[in-house]
Amino acid sequence: MPQMMPMLWMMYFFFFLLILFFYMNLFFYIHNPFIFFNKHMLLNDLKWNWKW
C-alpha cells in the first residue's frame, strides 16, 4: 500500500489548488466593484429583460 501514497498526495494537492482557485475567484469578484456591479447588472438583465 505505500506505492499509493504519491497518488494520494497529488490528489490532495490538486484538490487544494482547485479550492484555492475558486476562493480567489470569489474573493476578487466580491472585492472588485466594477466586476461585481457588472455581474449584478448582467444577472438583473437576465432576470427581467429576456432578450431571446
PDB file of N, CA and C in Angstrom:
ATOM      1  N   MET A   1       0.791  -1.232   0.000  1.00  0.00           N
ATOM      2  CA  MET A   1       0.000   0.000   0.000  1.00  0.00           C
ATOM      3  C   MET A   1       0.829   1.291   0.000  1.00  0.00           C
ATOM      4  N   PRO A   2       2.096   1.295   0.341  1.00  0.00           N
ATOM      5  CA  PRO A   2       2.841   2.573   0.282  1.00  0.00           C
ATOM      6  C   PRO A   2       3.005   3.136  -1.128  1.00  0.00           C
ATOM      7  N   GLN A   3       2.909   2.286  -2.143  1.00  0.00           N
ATOM      8  CA  GLN A   3       3.065   2.807  -3.507  1.00  0.00           C
ATOM      9  C   GLN A   3       1.881   3.685  -3.912  1.00  0.00           C
ATOM     10  N   MET A   4       0.809   3.665  -3.111  1.00  0.00           N
ATOM     11  CA  MET A   4      -0.345   4.522  -3.417  1.00  0.00           C
ATOM     12  C   MET A   4      -0.189   5.937  -2.872  1.00  0.00           C
ATOM     13  N   MET A   5       0.803   6.152  -2.023  1.00  0.00           N
ATOM     14  CA  MET A   5       0.847   7.429  -1.323  1.00  0.00           C
ATOM     15  C   MET A   5       1.123   8.621  -2.239  1.00  0.00           C
ATOM     16  N   PRO A   6       2.011   8.567  -3.215  1.00  0.00           N
ATOM     17  CA  PRO A   6       2.205   9.743  -4.084  1.00  0.00           C
ATOM     18  C   PRO A   6       0.939  10.152  -4.833  1.00  0.00           C
ATOM     19  N   MET A   7       0.179   9.156  -5.253  1.00  0.00           N
ATOM     20  CA  MET A   7      -1.062   9.493  -5.943  1.00  0.00           C
ATOM     21  C   MET A   7      -2.027  10.210  -4.997  1.00  0.00           C
ATOM     22  N   LEU A   8      -2.096   9.735  -3.771  1.00  0.00           N
ATOM     23  CA  LEU A   8      -2.971  10.399  -2.799  1.00  0.00           C
ATOM     24  C   LEU A   8      -2.507  11.823  -2.519  1.00  0.00           C
ATOM     25  N   TRP A   9      -1.203  12.010  -2.377  1.00  0.00           N
ATOM     26  CA  TRP A   9      -0.686  13.358  -2.147  1.00  0.00           C
ATOM     27  C   TRP A   9      -1.005  14.265  -3.330  1.00  0.00           C
ATOM     28  N   MET A  10      -0.855  13.723  -4.533  1.00  0.00           N
ATOM     29  CA  MET A  10      -1.160  14.545  -5.703  1.00  0.00           C
ATOM     30  C   MET A  10      -2.648  14.895  -5.751  1.00  0.00           C
ATOM     31  N   MET A  11      -3.497  13.942  -5.396  1.00  0.00           N
ATOM     32  CA  MET A  11      -4.932  14.225  -5.416  1.00  0.00           C
ATOM     33  C   MET A  11      -5.279  15.303  -4.393  1.00  0.00           C
ATOM     34  N   TYR A  12      -4.721  15.171  -3.194  1.00  0.00           N
ATOM     35  CA  TYR A  12      -4.985  16.200  -2.192  1.00  0.00           C
ATOM     36  C   TYR A  12      -4.451  17.554  -2.640  1.00  0.00           C
ATOM     37  N   PHE A  13      -3.286  17.549  -3.237  1.00  0.00           N
ATOM     38  CA  PHE A  13      -2.672  18.809  -3.655  1.00  0.00           C
ATOM     39  C   PHE A  13      -3.515  19.488  -4.743  1.00  0.00           C
ATOM     40  N   PHE A  14      -3.973  18.709  -5.725  1.00  0.00           N
ATOM     41  CA  PHE A  14      -4.771  19.323  -6.783  1.00  0.00           C
ATOM     42  C   PHE A  14      -6.138  19.758  -6.273  1.00  0.00           C
ATOM     43  N   PHE A  15      -6.674  19.002  -5.328  1.00  0.00           N
ATOM     44  CA  PHE A  15      -7.927  19.432  -4.708  1.00  0.00           C
ATOM     45  C   PHE A  15      -7.741  20.760  -3.984  1.00  0.00           C
ATOM     46  N   PHE A  16      -6.624  20.888  -3.270  1.00  0.00           N
ATOM     47  CA  PHE A  16      -6.318  22.137  -2.586  1.00  0.00           C
ATOM     48  C   PHE A  16      -6.149  23.284  -3.586  1.00  0.00           C
ATOM     49  N   LEU A  17      -5.493  23.025  -4.701  1.00  0.00           N
ATOM     50  CA  LEU A  17      -5.326  24.074  -5.702  1.00  0.00           C
ATOM     51  C   LEU A  17      -6.661  24.489  -6.292  1.00  0.00           C
ATOM     52  N   LEU A  18      -7.529  23.523  -6.515  1.00  0.00           N
ATOM     53  CA  LEU A  18      -8.851  23.848  -7.048  1.00  0.00           C
ATOM     54  C   LEU A  18      -9.632  24.723  -6.067  1.00  0.00           C
ATOM     55  N   ILE A  19      -9.629  24.357  -4.805  1.00  0.00           N
ATOM     56  CA  ILE A  19     -10.316  25.143  -3.786  1.00  0.00           C
ATOM     57  C   ILE A  19      -9.726  26.555  -3.716  1.00  0.00           C
ATOM     58  N   LEU A  20      -8.402  26.634  -3.749  1.00  0.00           N
ATOM     59  CA  LEU A  20      -7.753  27.940  -3.692  1.00  0.00           C
ATOM     60  C   LEU A  20      -8.129  28.787  -4.897  1.00  0.00           C
ATOM     61  N   PHE A  21      -8.156  28.175  -6.077  1.00  0.00           N
ATOM     62  CA  PHE A  21      -8.507  28.927  -7.278  1.00  0.00           C
ATOM     63  C   PHE A  21      -9.924  29.490  -7.179  1.00  0.00           C
ATOM     64  N   PHE A  22     -10.877  28.665  -6.747  1.00  0.00           N
ATOM     65  CA  PHE A  22     -12.251  29.149  -6.664  1.00  0.00           C
ATOM     66  C   PHE A  22     -12.405  30.197  -5.577  1.00  0.00           C
ATOM     67  N   TYR A  23     -11.674  30.031  -4.476  1.00  0.00           N
ATOM     68  CA  TYR A  23     -11.750  31.024  -3.407  1.00  0.00           C
ATOM     69  C   TYR A  23     -11.196  32.374  -3.876  1.00  0.00           C
ATOM     70  N   MET A  24     -10.086  32.341  -4.600  1.00  0.00           N
ATOM     71  CA  MET A  24      -9.527  33.601  -5.094  1.00  0.00           C
ATOM     72  C   MET A  24     -10.462  34.256  -6.109  1.00  0.00           C
ATOM     73  N   ASN A  25     -11.066  33.433  -6.957  1.00  0.00           N
ATOM     74  CA  ASN A  25     -12.004  33.970  -7.930  1.00  0.00           C
ATOM     75  C   ASN A  25     -13.173  34.658  -7.221  1.00  0.00           C
ATOM     76  N   LEU A  26     -13.725  33.997  -6.236  1.00  0.00           N
ATOM     77  CA  LEU A  26     -14.828  34.576  -5.476  1.00  0.00           C
ATOM     78  C   LEU A  26     -14.391  35.851  -4.769  1.00  0.00           C
ATOM     79  N   PHE A  27     -13.205  35.815  -4.170  1.00  0.00           N
ATOM     80  CA  PHE A  27     -12.690  36.977  -3.455  1.00  0.00           C
ATOM     81  C   PHE A  27     -12.556  38.183  -4.388  1.00  0.00           C
ATOM     82  N   PHE A  28     -11.985  37.965  -5.580  1.00  0.00           N
ATOM     83  CA  PHE A  28     -11.805  39.096  -6.485  1.00  0.00           C
ATOM     84  C   PHE A  28     -13.121  39.556  -7.092  1.00  0.00           C
ATOM     85  N   TYR A  29     -14.063  38.633  -7.273  1.00  0.00           N
ATOM     86  CA  TYR A  29     -15.361  39.070  -7.765  1.00  0.00           C
ATOM     87  C   TYR A  29     -16.072  39.933  -6.737  1.00  0.00           C
ATOM     88  N   ILE A  30     -15.924  39.608  -5.464  1.00  0.00           N
ATOM     89  CA  ILE A  30     -16.615  40.380  -4.437  1.00  0.00           C
ATOM     90  C   ILE A  30     -15.905  41.708  -4.190  1.00  0.00           C
ATOM     91  N   HIS A  31     -14.564  41.697  -4.173  1.00  0.00           N
ATOM     92  CA  HIS A  31     -13.825  42.893  -3.798  1.00  0.00           C
ATOM     93  C   HIS A  31     -13.455  43.783  -4.967  1.00  0.00           C
ATOM     94  N   ASN A  32     -13.847  43.428  -6.150  1.00  0.00           N
ATOM     95  CA  ASN A  32     -13.648  44.323  -7.283  1.00  0.00           C
ATOM     96  C   ASN A  32     -15.014  44.908  -7.650  1.00  0.00           C
ATOM     97  N   PRO A  33     -15.270  46.183  -7.353  1.00  0.00           N
ATOM     98  CA  PRO A  33     -16.632  46.698  -7.515  1.00  0.00           C
ATOM     99  C   PRO A  33     -17.094  46.720  -8.969  1.00  0.00           C
ATOM    100  N   PHE A  34     -16.151  46.983  -9.876  1.00  0.00           N
ATOM    101  CA  PHE A  34     -16.549  47.031 -11.281  1.00  0.00           C
ATOM    102  C   PHE A  34     -17.085  45.682 -11.758  1.00  0.00           C
ATOM    103  N   ILE A  35     -16.330  44.631 -11.495  1.00  0.00           N
ATOM    104  CA  ILE A  35     -16.786  43.300 -11.902  1.00  0.00           C
ATOM    105  C   ILE A  35     -18.048  42.924 -11.137  1.00  0.00           C
ATOM    106  N   PHE A  36     -18.080  43.295  -9.850  1.00  0.00           N
ATOM    107  CA  PHE A  36     -19.227  42.911  -9.035  1.00  0.00           C
ATOM    108  C   PHE A  36     -20.513  43.542  -9.570  1.00  0.00           C
ATOM    109  N   PHE A  37     -20.471  44.851  -9.840  1.00  0.00           N
ATOM    110  CA  PHE A  37     -21.687  45.508 -10.316  1.00  0.00           C
ATOM    111  C   PHE A  37     -22.010  45.119 -11.753  1.00  0.00           C
ATOM    112  N   ASN A  38     -20.975  44.839 -12.522  1.00  0.00           N
ATOM    113  CA  ASN A  38     -21.250  44.327 -13.861  1.00  0.00           C
ATOM    114  C   ASN A  38     -21.985  42.998 -13.797  1.00  0.00           C
ATOM    115  N   LYS A  39     -21.526  42.137 -12.906  1.00  0.00           N
ATOM    116  CA  LYS A  39     -22.187  40.851 -12.756  1.00  0.00           C
ATOM    117  C   LYS A  39     -23.615  41.045 -12.245  1.00  0.00           C
ATOM    118  N   HIS A  40     -23.782  41.975 -11.313  1.00  0.00           N
ATOM    119  CA  HIS A  40     -25.119  42.246 -10.800  1.00  0.00           C
ATOM    120  C   HIS A  40     -26.059  42.717 -11.900  1.00  0.00           C
ATOM    121  N   MET A  41     -25.578  43.644 -12.701  1.00  0.00           N
ATOM    122  CA  MET A  41     -26.430  44.165 -13.780  1.00  0.00           C
ATOM    123  C   MET A  41     -26.730  43.080 -14.808  1.00  0.00           C
ATOM    124  N   LEU A  42     -25.742  42.239 -15.064  1.00  0.00           N
ATOM    125  CA  LEU A  42     -25.981  41.162 -16.021  1.00  0.00           C
ATOM    126  C   LEU A  42     -27.034  40.190 -15.488  1.00  0.00           C
ATOM    127  N   LEU A  43     -26.944  39.860 -14.203  1.00  0.00           N
ATOM    128  CA  LEU A  43     -27.928  38.954 -13.619  1.00  0.00           C
ATOM    129  C   LEU A  43     -29.321  39.589 -13.619  1.00  0.00           C
ATOM    130  N   ASN A  44     -29.367  40.866 -13.306  1.00  0.00           N
ATOM    131  CA  ASN A  44     -30.644  41.554 -13.313  1.00  0.00           C
ATOM    132  C   ASN A  44     -31.220  41.604 -14.730  1.00  0.00           C
ATOM    133  N   ASP A  45     -30.364  41.836 -15.690  1.00  0.00           N
ATOM    134  CA  ASP A  45     -30.796  41.867 -17.080  1.00  0.00           C
ATOM    135  C   ASP A  45     -31.329  40.507 -17.520  1.00  0.00           C
ATOM    136  N   LEU A  46     -30.652  39.459 -17.111  1.00  0.00           N
ATOM    137  CA  LEU A  46     -31.125  38.128 -17.487  1.00  0.00           C
ATOM    138  C   LEU A  46     -32.437  37.783 -16.781  1.00  0.00           C
ATOM    139  N   LYS A  47     -32.618  38.350 -15.600  1.00  0.00           N
ATOM    140  CA  LYS A  47     -33.840  38.018 -14.879  1.00  0.00           C
ATOM    141  C   LYS A  47     -35.055  38.751 -15.450  1.00  0.00           C
ATOM    142  N   TRP A  48     -34.908  40.045 -15.764  1.00  0.00           N
ATOM    143  CA  TRP A  48     -36.090  40.850 -16.059  1.00  0.00           C
ATOM    144  C   TRP A  48     -36.244  41.220 -17.531  1.00  0.00           C
ATOM    145  N   ASN A  49     -35.145  41.272 -18.267  1.00  0.00           N
ATOM    146  CA  ASN A  49     -35.246  41.653 -19.680  1.00  0.00           C
ATOM    147  C   ASN A  49     -34.785  40.484 -20.534  1.00  0.00           C
ATOM    148  N   TRP A  50     -35.712  39.617 -20.883  1.00  0.00           N
ATOM    149  CA  TRP A  50     -35.339  38.443 -21.671  1.00  0.00           C
ATOM    150  C   TRP A  50     -35.102  38.866 -23.124  1.00  0.00           C
ATOM    151  N   LYS A  51     -33.917  38.557 -23.607  1.00  0.00           N
ATOM    152  CA  LYS A  51     -33.571  39.020 -24.951  1.00  0.00           C
ATOM    153  C   LYS A  51     -33.727  37.926 -26.001  1.00  0.00           C
ATOM    154  N   TRP A  52     -34.184  36.742 -25.609  1.00  0.00           N
ATOM    155  CA  TRP A  52     -34.279  35.669 -26.596  1.00  0.00           C
ATOM    156  C   TRP A  52     -35.668  35.105 -26.740  1.00  0.00           C
TER     157      TRP A  52
END
